[in-house]
Amino acid sequence: MSHRPSQSDVLVATIGRPHGVRGLVRLHPATEHPETLEELGRLHDEMGNLWQIRWKAPGIAAVLGQDGQPLPDRTAAEKLVNRKLYVPREALPEVEEDEFYHVDLIGMEAVLTSGESVGRVVSVHDYGAGTSLELEAGQLIPFTMACVPEVDMKAKRLVVVPPEAVEVEGDLTGEVEVRS
């Protein structure tokens, strides 16, 4: 049995490199609490294969296949490196007020404080230094209270205040003078 991936699926983990020779892997959770991955039960990848996670040590997990059996060896684990694991959005617990799943923000209409539409959110990026919303035109908006002061989940709309343009002073030719 497999799960057909959909656009409302939420990335919850990425399988990393093998750990040892017994089929264990380094697992990179995309959840606030790693134990959530076990609690969610069946996860699926982009091809619809079903998986389950059993933590063995911090960051180290056994990945169980559709048959409920762990990966047999390092070779099997190597084949799953960088495999992304998802769950359907409805399988996730409800969030607190002012908390959002990335998938819930995608597709929302972004408007200025004047009410003028500036496009829809097409992607949510988090590279570790903070979350940014990418709009249709390619504009990135930091997902902070200052730049996104209002999120209306019911109306699928958010208010954005784009940050001011950055002013750079000095020589922008790219030429560098080196003195010895």
C-alpha atoms as a PDB file:
ATOM      1  CA  MET A   1       0.000   0.000   0.000  1.00  0.00           C
ATOM      2  CA  SER A   2       1.308   3.462  -0.822  1.00  0.00           C
ATOM      3  CA  HIS A   3       0.220   7.050  -0.350  1.00  0.00           C
ATOM      4  CA  ARG A   4      -0.284   9.322  -3.315  1.00  0.00           C
ATOM      5  CA  PRO A   5       1.597  12.588  -2.616  1.00  0.00           C
ATOM      6  CA  SER A   6      -0.396  15.820  -2.784  1.00  0.00           C
ATOM      7  CA  GLN A   7       0.309  19.550  -2.676  1.00  0.00           C
ATOM      8  CA  SER A   8      -0.961  19.756   0.901  1.00  0.00           C
ATOM      9  CA  ASP A   9       1.685  17.324   2.158  1.00  0.00           C
ATOM     10  CA  VAL A  10       4.087  18.674   4.755  1.00  0.00           C
ATOM     11  CA  LEU A  11       7.811  17.887   4.796  1.00  0.00           C
ATOM     12  CA  VAL A  12       8.641  16.419   8.216  1.00  0.00           C
ATOM     13  CA  ALA A  13      12.126  14.921   7.724  1.00  0.00           C
ATOM     14  CA  THR A  14      14.995  14.275   5.345  1.00  0.00           C
ATOM     15  CA  ILE A  15      17.003  11.071   5.465  1.00  0.00           C
ATOM     16  CA  GLY A  16      20.733  11.723   5.724  1.00  0.00           C
ATOM     17  CA  ARG A  17      23.770   9.525   5.304  1.00  0.00           C
ATOM     18  CA  PRO A  18      23.981   6.027   6.746  1.00  0.00           C
ATOM     19  CA  HIS A  19      25.144   5.498  10.322  1.00  0.00           C
ATOM     20  CA  GLY A  20      27.110   2.312  10.773  1.00  0.00           C
ATOM     21  CA  VAL A  21      26.579  -0.911   8.832  1.00  0.00           C
ATOM     22  CA  ARG A  22      23.198  -2.065  10.212  1.00  0.00           C
ATOM     23  CA  GLY A  23      20.891   0.140   8.132  1.00  0.00           C
ATOM     24  CA  LEU A  24      20.560   3.064  10.536  1.00  0.00           C
ATOM     25  CA  VAL A  25      20.525   6.614   9.126  1.00  0.00           C
ATOM     26  CA  ARG A  26      21.123  10.144  10.257  1.00  0.00           C
ATOM     27  CA  LEU A  27      17.705  11.740  10.183  1.00  0.00           C
ATOM     28  CA  HIS A  28      17.078  15.478   9.868  1.00  0.00           C
ATOM     29  CA  PRO A  29      13.653  16.331  11.300  1.00  0.00           C
ATOM     30  CA  ALA A  30      11.768  19.378  10.030  1.00  0.00           C
ATOM     31  CA  THR A  31       9.611  19.314  13.150  1.00  0.00           C
ATOM     32  CA  GLU A  32      10.163  21.317  16.312  1.00  0.00           C
ATOM     33  CA  HIS A  33      10.240  18.136  18.399  1.00  0.00           C
ATOM     34  CA  PRO A  34      11.977  15.123  16.770  1.00  0.00           C
ATOM     35  CA  GLU A  35       9.838  12.611  18.709  1.00  0.00           C
ATOM     36  CA  THR A  36       6.861  13.836  16.675  1.00  0.00           C
ATOM     37  CA  LEU A  37       8.150  11.749  13.755  1.00  0.00           C
ATOM     38  CA  GLU A  38       7.478   8.515  15.649  1.00  0.00           C
ATOM     39  CA  GLU A  39       4.100   9.785  16.842  1.00  0.00           C
ATOM     40  CA  LEU A  40       2.961  10.616  13.294  1.00  0.00           C
ATOM     41  CA  GLY A  41       3.230   6.953  12.307  1.00  0.00           C
ATOM     42  CA  ARG A  42       3.329   6.396   8.569  1.00  0.00           C
ATOM     43  CA  LEU A  43       5.278   8.911   6.507  1.00  0.00           C
ATOM     44  CA  HIS A  44       5.600   8.887   2.726  1.00  0.00           C
ATOM     45  CA  ASP A  45       8.156   9.973   0.171  1.00  0.00           C
ATOM     46  CA  GLU A  46       7.725  11.636  -3.245  1.00  0.00           C
ATOM     47  CA  MET A  47       7.110   8.247  -4.894  1.00  0.00           C
ATOM     48  CA  GLY A  48       4.351   7.323  -2.440  1.00  0.00           C
ATOM     49  CA  ASN A  49       6.380   4.709  -0.522  1.00  0.00           C
ATOM     50  CA  LEU A  50       5.402   4.434   3.140  1.00  0.00           C
ATOM     51  CA  TRP A  51       7.955   4.610   5.964  1.00  0.00           C
ATOM     52  CA  GLN A  52       8.061   4.728   9.749  1.00  0.00           C
ATOM     53  CA  ILE A  53      10.725   6.131  12.036  1.00  0.00           C
ATOM     54  CA  ARG A  54      12.157   4.641  15.242  1.00  0.00           C
ATOM     55  CA  TRP A  55      14.718   6.797  17.027  1.00  0.00           C
ATOM     56  CA  LYS A  56      17.792   4.895  18.244  1.00  0.00           C
ATOM     57  CA  ALA A  57      19.871   7.873  19.493  1.00  0.00           C
ATOM     58  CA  PRO A  58      19.713  11.655  19.013  1.00  0.00           C
ATOM     59  CA  GLY A  59      19.773  12.197  15.245  1.00  0.00           C
ATOM     60  CA  ILE A  60      20.078   8.462  14.500  1.00  0.00           C
ATOM     61  CA  ALA A  61      17.054   6.449  13.401  1.00  0.00           C
ATOM     62  CA  ALA A  62      15.907   3.141  12.027  1.00  0.00           C
ATOM     63  CA  VAL A  63      13.722   3.566   8.955  1.00  0.00           C
ATOM     64  CA  LEU A  64      11.046   0.893   8.639  1.00  0.00           C
ATOM     65  CA  GLY A  65       9.672   0.079   5.206  1.00  0.00           C
ATOM     66  CA  GLN A  66       6.107  -0.712   4.174  1.00  0.00           C
ATOM     67  CA  ASP A  67       6.586  -4.246   5.520  1.00  0.00           C
ATOM     68  CA  GLY A  68       7.411  -2.852   8.979  1.00  0.00           C
ATOM     69  CA  GLN A  69      10.995  -4.125   8.768  1.00  0.00           C
ATOM     70  CA  PRO A  70      14.026  -1.863   9.275  1.00  0.00           C
ATOM     71  CA  LEU A  71      16.525  -1.332   6.491  1.00  0.00           C
ATOM     72  CA  PRO A  72      18.733  -4.447   6.382  1.00  0.00           C
ATOM     73  CA  ASP A  73      22.136  -2.839   5.876  1.00  0.00           C
ATOM     74  CA  ARG A  74      24.238   0.186   4.946  1.00  0.00           C
ATOM     75  CA  THR A  75      23.706  -0.390   1.202  1.00  0.00           C
ATOM     76  CA  ALA A  76      19.921  -0.073   1.604  1.00  0.00           C
ATOM     77  CA  ALA A  77      20.402   3.058   3.742  1.00  0.00           C
ATOM     78  CA  GLU A  78      22.681   4.633   1.106  1.00  0.00           C
ATOM     79  CA  LYS A  79      19.869   4.397  -1.440  1.00  0.00           C
ATOM     80  CA  LEU A  80      17.674   6.658   0.732  1.00  0.00           C
ATOM     81  CA  VAL A  81      20.125   9.527   1.284  1.00  0.00           C
ATOM     82  CA  ASN A  82      18.331  12.886   0.783  1.00  0.00           C
ATOM     83  CA  ARG A  83      14.915  11.177   0.594  1.00  0.00           C
ATOM     84  CA  LYS A  84      12.288  13.599   1.882  1.00  0.00           C
ATOM     85  CA  LEU A  85       9.497  12.292   4.104  1.00  0.00           C
ATOM     86  CA  TYR A  86       6.039  13.852   4.288  1.00  0.00           C
ATOM     87  CA  VAL A  87       2.678  13.544   6.008  1.00  0.00           C
ATOM     88  CA  PRO A  88      -0.712  14.793   4.836  1.00  0.00           C
ATOM     89  CA  ARG A  89      -1.485  18.223   6.348  1.00  0.00           C
ATOM     90  CA  GLU A  90      -4.557  16.853   8.126  1.00  0.00           C
ATOM     91  CA  ALA A  91      -2.371  14.371  10.058  1.00  0.00           C
ATOM     92  CA  LEU A  92      -0.600  17.209  11.879  1.00  0.00           C
ATOM     93  CA  PRO A  93      -1.827  18.649  15.164  1.00  0.00           C
ATOM     94  CA  GLU A  94      -3.490  22.052  15.141  1.00  0.00           C
ATOM     95  CA  VAL A  95      -1.152  24.953  15.788  1.00  0.00           C
ATOM     96  CA  GLU A  96      -1.367  27.679  18.406  1.00  0.00           C
ATOM     97  CA  GLU A  97      -2.424  31.193  17.492  1.00  0.00           C
ATOM     98  CA  ASP A  98       0.372  32.993  15.616  1.00  0.00           C
ATOM     99  CA  GLU A  99       1.949  29.663  14.569  1.00  0.00           C
ATOM    100  CA  PHE A 100       1.731  28.404  11.004  1.00  0.00           C
ATOM    101  CA  TYR A 101       2.698  25.423   8.928  1.00  0.00           C
ATOM    102  CA  HIS A 102       4.529  26.497   5.762  1.00  0.00           C
ATOM    103  CA  VAL A 103       1.969  24.691   3.601  1.00  0.00           C
ATOM    104  CA  ASP A 104      -0.809  26.848   5.094  1.00  0.00           C
ATOM    105  CA  LEU A 105       0.915  30.042   3.917  1.00  0.00           C
ATOM    106  CA  ILE A 106       1.445  28.909   0.316  1.00  0.00           C
ATOM    107  CA  GLY A 107      -1.262  30.269  -1.968  1.00  0.00           C
ATOM    108  CA  MET A 108      -2.245  33.097   0.387  1.00  0.00           C
ATOM    109  CA  GLU A 109      -2.791  36.497  -1.205  1.00  0.00           C
ATOM    110  CA  ALA A 110      -0.244  39.106  -0.079  1.00  0.00           C
ATOM    111  CA  VAL A 111      -1.558  42.678   0.152  1.00  0.00           C
ATOM    112  CA  LEU A 112       0.034  45.955   1.159  1.00  0.00           C
ATOM    113  CA  THR A 113      -1.403  47.939   4.060  1.00  0.00           C
ATOM    114  CA  SER A 114      -3.243  49.975   1.384  1.00  0.00           C
ATOM    115  CA  GLY A 115      -5.062  46.787   0.331  1.00  0.00           C
ATOM    116  CA  GLU A 116      -3.229  46.579  -3.016  1.00  0.00           C
ATOM    117  CA  SER A 117      -2.451  42.982  -3.974  1.00  0.00           C
ATOM    118  CA  VAL A 118       1.214  42.176  -4.574  1.00  0.00           C
ATOM    119  CA  GLY A 119       0.689  38.521  -5.489  1.00  0.00           C
ATOM    120  CA  ARG A 120       0.386  35.129  -3.900  1.00  0.00           C
ATOM    121  CA  VAL A 121       2.854  33.274  -1.720  1.00  0.00           C
ATOM    122  CA  VAL A 122       4.452  30.581  -3.879  1.00  0.00           C
ATOM    123  CA  SER A 123       7.073  29.274  -1.473  1.00  0.00           C
ATOM    124  CA  VAL A 124       8.298  29.505   2.096  1.00  0.00           C
ATOM    125  CA  HIS A 125      12.062  29.419   2.678  1.00  0.00           C
ATOM    126  CA  ASP A 126      13.894  28.779   5.919  1.00  0.00           C
ATOM    127  CA  TYR A 127      17.655  28.619   5.558  1.00  0.00           C
ATOM    128  CA  GLY A 128      18.286  28.868   9.275  1.00  0.00           C
ATOM    129  CA  ALA A 129      18.484  32.649   9.620  1.00  0.00           C
ATOM    130  CA  GLY A 130      14.724  33.131   9.599  1.00  0.00           C
ATOM    131  CA  THR A 131      11.751  32.351   7.425  1.00  0.00           C
ATOM    132  CA  SER A 132      10.987  34.260   4.205  1.00  0.00           C
ATOM    133  CA  LEU A 133       7.922  34.233   1.982  1.00  0.00           C
ATOM    134  CA  GLU A 134       8.474  34.187  -1.773  1.00  0.00           C
ATOM    135  CA  LEU A 135       5.805  35.955  -3.827  1.00  0.00           C
ATOM    136  CA  GLU A 136       4.872  35.166  -7.441  1.00  0.00           C
ATOM    137  CA  ALA A 137       7.071  37.963  -8.829  1.00  0.00           C
ATOM    138  CA  GLY A 138      10.093  36.513  -6.999  1.00  0.00           C
ATOM    139  CA  GLN A 139      10.034  39.085  -4.200  1.00  0.00           C
ATOM    140  CA  LEU A 140      11.179  37.752  -0.817  1.00  0.00           C
ATOM    141  CA  ILE A 141       9.485  39.076   2.318  1.00  0.00           C
ATOM    142  CA  PRO A 142      10.981  38.254   5.733  1.00  0.00           C
ATOM    143  CA  PHE A 143       8.320  36.451   7.770  1.00  0.00           C
ATOM    144  CA  THR A 144       8.568  38.748  10.776  1.00  0.00           C
ATOM    145  CA  MET A 145       5.948  40.781  12.639  1.00  0.00           C
ATOM    146  CA  ALA A 146       7.426  43.961  11.108  1.00  0.00           C
ATOM    147  CA  CYS A 147       7.110  42.719   7.503  1.00  0.00           C
ATOM    148  CA  VAL A 148       3.998  40.521   7.888  1.00  0.00           C
ATOM    149  CA  PRO A 149       1.938  42.210  10.613  1.00  0.00           C
ATOM    150  CA  GLU A 150      -1.302  40.370   9.840  1.00  0.00           C
ATOM    151  CA  VAL A 151      -2.172  36.816   8.744  1.00  0.00           C
ATOM    152  CA  ASP A 152      -5.835  36.002   8.152  1.00  0.00           C
ATOM    153  CA  MET A 153      -6.055  32.225   7.771  1.00  0.00           C
ATOM    154  CA  LYS A 154      -9.814  32.244   7.090  1.00  0.00           C
ATOM    155  CA  ALA A 155      -9.537  34.769   4.254  1.00  0.00           C
ATOM    156  CA  LYS A 156      -6.252  33.176   2.993  1.00  0.00           C
ATOM    157  CA  ARG A 157      -4.717  36.647   3.022  1.00  0.00           C
ATOM    158  CA  LEU A 158      -1.754  38.331   4.664  1.00  0.00           C
ATOM    159  CA  VAL A 159      -0.631  41.935   4.940  1.00  0.00           C
ATOM    160  CA  VAL A 160       2.975  42.625   3.952  1.00  0.00           C
ATOM    161  CA  VAL A 161       5.195  45.605   4.564  1.00  0.00           C
ATOM    162  CA  PRO A 162       8.183  45.104   2.236  1.00  0.00           C
ATOM    163  CA  PRO A 163      11.476  46.087   3.839  1.00  0.00           C
ATOM    164  CA  GLU A 164      13.048  49.304   2.607  1.00  0.00           C
ATOM    165  CA  ALA A 165      15.511  49.040  -0.244  1.00  0.00           C
ATOM    166  CA  VAL A 166      19.065  48.616   0.950  1.00  0.00           C
ATOM    167  CA  GLU A 167      21.315  51.553   0.168  1.00  0.00           C
ATOM    168  CA  VAL A 168      24.938  50.751  -0.517  1.00  0.00           C
ATOM    169  CA  GLU A 169      27.619  53.389  -0.476  1.00  0.00           C
ATOM    170  CA  GLY A 170      31.031  53.374  -2.070  1.00  0.00           C
ATOM    171  CA  ASP A 171      32.518  51.941  -5.233  1.00  0.00           C
ATOM    172  CA  LEU A 172      30.233  49.274  -6.688  1.00  0.00           C
ATOM    173  CA  THR A 173      32.377  48.477  -9.752  1.00  0.00           C
ATOM    174  CA  GLY A 174      33.665  45.309  -8.151  1.00  0.00           C
ATOM    175  CA  GLU A 175      37.260  46.347  -8.617  1.00  0.00           C
ATOM    176  CA  VAL A 176      39.388  45.771  -5.572  1.00  0.00           C
ATOM    177  CA  GLU A 177      42.618  47.596  -4.915  1.00  0.00           C
ATOM    178  CA  VAL A 178      45.250  45.500  -3.177  1.00  0.00           C
ATOM    179  CA  ARG A 179      48.152  47.221  -1.469  1.00  0.00           C
ATOM    180  CA  SER A 180      51.281  45.507  -0.303  1.00  0.00           C
END
